[in-house]
N, C-alpha and C. Protein backbone atom coordinates (compact mmCIF):
# COMPACT_ATOMS: atom_id res chain seq x y z
N MET A 1 -19.18 1.25 -8.78
CA MET A 1 -19.02 1.66 -7.48
C MET A 1 -18.49 0.52 -6.67
N ALA A 2 -17.55 0.55 -5.78
CA ALA A 2 -17.07 -0.47 -4.82
C ALA A 2 -17.26 0.01 -3.48
N THR A 3 -17.14 -0.85 -2.48
CA THR A 3 -17.25 -0.44 -1.05
C THR A 3 -15.81 -0.85 -0.61
N LEU A 4 -15.13 0.03 0.05
CA LEU A 4 -13.82 -0.21 0.64
C LEU A 4 -13.98 -0.17 2.10
N ASN A 5 -13.66 -1.35 2.76
CA ASN A 5 -13.83 -1.49 4.25
C ASN A 5 -12.44 -1.34 4.71
N ILE A 6 -12.09 -0.40 5.66
CA ILE A 6 -10.76 -0.15 6.19
C ILE A 6 -10.87 -0.44 7.66
N THR A 7 -9.97 -1.29 8.26
CA THR A 7 -9.89 -1.60 9.57
C THR A 7 -8.55 -1.02 9.96
N TYR A 8 -8.51 -0.09 11.06
CA TYR A 8 -7.30 0.42 11.58
C TYR A 8 -7.50 0.86 13.03
N ASP A 9 -6.56 0.57 13.73
CA ASP A 9 -6.38 0.99 15.18
C ASP A 9 -7.77 0.69 15.93
N GLY A 10 -8.35 -0.57 15.79
CA GLY A 10 -9.51 -0.90 16.38
C GLY A 10 -10.78 -0.41 15.86
N MET A 11 -10.74 0.22 14.73
CA MET A 11 -11.94 0.87 14.16
C MET A 11 -12.11 0.32 12.75
N SER A 12 -13.28 0.22 12.16
CA SER A 12 -13.63 -0.24 10.91
C SER A 12 -14.72 0.72 10.23
N ALA A 13 -14.56 0.97 9.08
CA ALA A 13 -15.51 1.85 8.36
C ALA A 13 -15.68 1.45 6.81
N ASP A 14 -16.87 1.55 6.30
CA ASP A 14 -17.10 1.34 4.82
C ASP A 14 -17.09 2.68 4.16
N VAL A 15 -16.47 2.81 3.06
CA VAL A 15 -16.35 3.90 2.23
C VAL A 15 -16.65 3.66 0.83
N PRO A 16 -17.67 4.30 0.14
CA PRO A 16 -17.87 3.99 -1.30
C PRO A 16 -16.75 4.67 -2.05
N VAL A 17 -16.26 3.88 -3.02
CA VAL A 17 -15.13 4.50 -3.92
C VAL A 17 -15.57 4.18 -5.39
N GLU A 18 -15.24 5.17 -6.18
CA GLU A 18 -15.56 5.00 -7.61
C GLU A 18 -14.25 4.64 -8.22
N LEU A 19 -14.19 3.46 -8.82
CA LEU A 19 -12.99 2.90 -9.45
C LEU A 19 -13.28 2.78 -10.91
N ASP A 20 -12.36 3.38 -11.78
CA ASP A 20 -12.52 3.30 -13.25
C ASP A 20 -11.97 2.03 -13.76
N ARG A 21 -11.22 1.38 -13.01
CA ARG A 21 -10.61 0.16 -13.49
C ARG A 21 -10.19 -0.70 -12.37
N PRO A 22 -9.88 -1.95 -12.68
CA PRO A 22 -9.39 -2.73 -11.46
C PRO A 22 -8.06 -2.10 -10.90
N VAL A 23 -7.96 -2.09 -9.60
CA VAL A 23 -6.83 -1.52 -8.89
C VAL A 23 -5.91 -2.60 -8.17
N SER A 24 -4.67 -2.36 -8.16
CA SER A 24 -3.87 -3.27 -7.38
C SER A 24 -3.86 -3.08 -5.88
N ASP A 25 -3.40 -4.02 -5.11
CA ASP A 25 -3.48 -4.03 -3.72
C ASP A 25 -2.65 -2.70 -3.36
N THR A 26 -1.57 -2.42 -3.93
CA THR A 26 -0.90 -1.17 -3.69
C THR A 26 -1.67 0.10 -3.89
N ASP A 27 -2.46 0.07 -4.82
CA ASP A 27 -3.34 1.20 -5.10
C ASP A 27 -4.44 1.31 -3.93
N VAL A 28 -4.92 0.15 -3.52
CA VAL A 28 -5.92 0.17 -2.51
C VAL A 28 -5.22 0.66 -1.16
N ARG A 29 -4.12 0.44 -0.89
CA ARG A 29 -3.47 0.92 0.29
C ARG A 29 -3.17 2.42 0.20
N ARG A 30 -2.84 2.84 -0.99
CA ARG A 30 -2.66 4.33 -1.27
C ARG A 30 -3.94 5.06 -1.15
N ILE A 31 -5.01 4.56 -1.81
CA ILE A 31 -6.29 5.15 -1.72
C ILE A 31 -6.74 5.29 -0.21
N ALA A 32 -6.61 4.20 0.57
CA ALA A 32 -7.04 4.29 1.98
C ALA A 32 -6.31 5.37 2.73
N VAL A 33 -5.01 5.54 2.61
CA VAL A 33 -4.20 6.52 3.24
C VAL A 33 -4.75 7.96 2.78
N GLU A 34 -5.05 8.23 1.44
CA GLU A 34 -5.46 9.51 1.05
C GLU A 34 -6.84 9.75 1.58
N LEU A 35 -7.77 8.78 1.62
CA LEU A 35 -9.13 8.93 2.27
C LEU A 35 -9.02 9.27 3.71
N ILE A 36 -8.30 8.57 4.50
CA ILE A 36 -8.15 8.93 5.88
C ILE A 36 -7.44 10.20 6.13
N ARG A 37 -6.50 10.54 5.33
CA ARG A 37 -5.91 11.91 5.65
C ARG A 37 -6.87 13.03 5.29
N SER A 38 -7.69 12.84 4.37
CA SER A 38 -8.54 13.94 3.89
C SER A 38 -9.85 13.90 4.70
N GLY A 39 -10.07 12.95 5.66
CA GLY A 39 -11.23 12.93 6.33
C GLY A 39 -12.50 12.31 5.79
N GLY A 40 -12.16 11.51 4.71
CA GLY A 40 -13.18 10.86 3.94
C GLY A 40 -13.68 9.55 4.43
N VAL A 41 -13.14 9.11 5.57
CA VAL A 41 -13.51 7.83 6.25
C VAL A 41 -14.17 8.16 7.59
N PRO A 42 -15.49 7.79 7.78
CA PRO A 42 -16.25 8.17 8.95
C PRO A 42 -15.48 7.69 10.14
N GLY A 43 -15.15 8.57 11.09
CA GLY A 43 -14.51 8.28 12.42
C GLY A 43 -13.03 8.19 12.40
N MET A 44 -12.46 8.32 11.11
CA MET A 44 -10.97 8.21 11.01
C MET A 44 -10.47 9.48 10.17
N HIS A 45 -9.94 10.46 10.90
CA HIS A 45 -9.30 11.65 10.14
C HIS A 45 -8.00 11.69 10.81
N LEU A 46 -6.96 11.31 10.11
CA LEU A 46 -5.64 11.39 10.68
C LEU A 46 -4.77 12.07 9.51
N SER A 47 -4.66 13.39 9.60
CA SER A 47 -3.97 14.11 8.58
C SER A 47 -2.50 13.73 8.33
N GLN A 48 -1.89 13.24 9.53
CA GLN A 48 -0.46 12.89 9.50
C GLN A 48 -0.18 11.47 9.18
N LEU A 49 -1.15 10.62 8.82
CA LEU A 49 -0.92 9.25 8.53
C LEU A 49 0.12 9.05 7.51
N ARG A 50 1.05 8.22 7.99
CA ARG A 50 2.18 7.87 7.06
C ARG A 50 1.84 7.02 5.82
N ASP A 51 2.55 7.33 4.69
CA ASP A 51 2.34 6.59 3.48
C ASP A 51 2.46 5.14 3.66
N GLU A 52 3.30 4.64 4.43
CA GLU A 52 3.50 3.22 4.49
C GLU A 52 2.57 2.46 5.65
N THR A 53 1.72 3.12 6.17
CA THR A 53 0.85 2.68 7.18
C THR A 53 0.22 1.32 6.92
N PHE A 54 -0.18 1.07 5.65
CA PHE A 54 -0.89 -0.14 5.33
C PHE A 54 -0.06 -1.11 4.60
N GLN A 55 1.23 -0.95 4.47
CA GLN A 55 2.18 -1.63 3.69
C GLN A 55 2.01 -3.19 4.00
N HIS A 56 1.79 -3.59 5.14
CA HIS A 56 1.77 -5.01 5.48
C HIS A 56 0.32 -5.45 5.79
N TYR A 57 -0.68 -4.73 5.44
CA TYR A 57 -2.15 -5.11 5.56
C TYR A 57 -2.53 -5.99 4.46
N ALA A 58 -3.48 -6.85 4.65
CA ALA A 58 -4.09 -7.77 3.68
C ALA A 58 -5.18 -7.07 2.94
N VAL A 59 -5.31 -7.28 1.66
CA VAL A 59 -6.31 -6.72 0.83
C VAL A 59 -7.12 -8.03 0.33
N ASP A 60 -8.45 -8.07 0.79
CA ASP A 60 -9.38 -9.12 0.38
C ASP A 60 -10.41 -8.44 -0.51
N ARG A 61 -10.85 -9.29 -1.54
CA ARG A 61 -11.80 -8.84 -2.54
C ARG A 61 -12.92 -9.85 -2.66
N PHE A 62 -14.18 -9.40 -2.51
CA PHE A 62 -15.33 -10.22 -2.69
C PHE A 62 -16.38 -9.53 -3.55
N ARG A 63 -17.37 -10.38 -4.02
CA ARG A 63 -18.60 -9.83 -4.61
C ARG A 63 -19.69 -10.02 -3.70
N GLY A 64 -20.50 -9.01 -3.56
CA GLY A 64 -21.74 -8.91 -2.75
C GLY A 64 -22.85 -9.83 -3.33
N ALA A 65 -23.88 -10.06 -2.68
CA ALA A 65 -25.01 -10.84 -3.29
C ALA A 65 -25.56 -10.35 -4.54
N ARG A 66 -25.46 -8.98 -4.92
CA ARG A 66 -25.96 -8.36 -6.03
C ARG A 66 -24.73 -8.07 -7.02
N GLY A 67 -23.61 -8.69 -6.81
CA GLY A 67 -22.52 -8.46 -7.74
C GLY A 67 -21.61 -7.30 -7.37
N GLU A 68 -21.94 -6.55 -6.39
CA GLU A 68 -21.13 -5.30 -6.05
C GLU A 68 -19.82 -5.73 -5.52
N GLU A 69 -18.72 -4.97 -5.82
CA GLU A 69 -17.50 -5.20 -5.44
C GLU A 69 -17.21 -4.77 -3.99
N ARG A 70 -16.72 -5.57 -3.14
CA ARG A 70 -16.24 -5.25 -1.76
C ARG A 70 -14.89 -5.46 -1.55
N ILE A 71 -14.10 -4.53 -1.13
CA ILE A 71 -12.75 -4.70 -0.91
C ILE A 71 -12.49 -4.41 0.62
N TYR A 72 -11.77 -5.34 1.17
CA TYR A 72 -11.35 -5.10 2.69
C TYR A 72 -9.94 -4.96 2.88
N LEU A 73 -9.55 -3.93 3.60
CA LEU A 73 -8.13 -3.63 4.03
C LEU A 73 -8.07 -3.84 5.47
N ARG A 74 -7.28 -4.80 5.81
CA ARG A 74 -7.31 -5.29 7.23
C ARG A 74 -5.90 -5.65 7.67
N PRO A 75 -5.63 -5.62 8.98
CA PRO A 75 -4.33 -6.18 9.54
C PRO A 75 -4.29 -7.65 9.26
N LYS A 76 -2.98 -8.18 9.00
CA LYS A 76 -2.78 -9.54 8.89
C LYS A 76 -2.98 -10.16 10.38
N VAL A 77 -3.55 -11.35 10.41
CA VAL A 77 -3.71 -11.97 11.72
C VAL A 77 -2.95 -13.29 11.75
N PRO A 78 -2.42 -13.70 12.91
CA PRO A 78 -1.59 -14.81 13.02
C PRO A 78 -2.46 -16.19 13.23
N PHE A 79 -3.76 -16.21 12.83
CA PHE A 79 -4.43 -17.42 13.01
C PHE A 79 -3.82 -18.64 12.36
N GLY A 80 -3.75 -19.65 12.95
CA GLY A 80 -3.07 -20.96 12.34
C GLY A 80 -1.64 -20.81 12.34
N ALA A 81 -0.89 -19.80 12.73
CA ALA A 81 0.48 -19.73 12.85
C ALA A 81 1.14 -20.56 13.84
N ARG A 82 2.22 -21.16 13.58
CA ARG A 82 2.92 -21.86 14.64
C ARG A 82 4.22 -21.16 15.23
């Protein structure tokens, strides 16, 4: 079991996801779109969300204190850019 944190349009939510295998960043973006379209993300139900919505989002992966997988899907930010 992994936790997917999705940040979109000023909102952020954690969603538990069952992953049978390691997934690519592209898969994470696709899963997020499907979850939001289906109403599976608390506070985010957008049935008309476009397939490419998260195309330019960053995917970060971490392990929690107990070894659990945490995946963050977030907008890229310009910190440190010139």
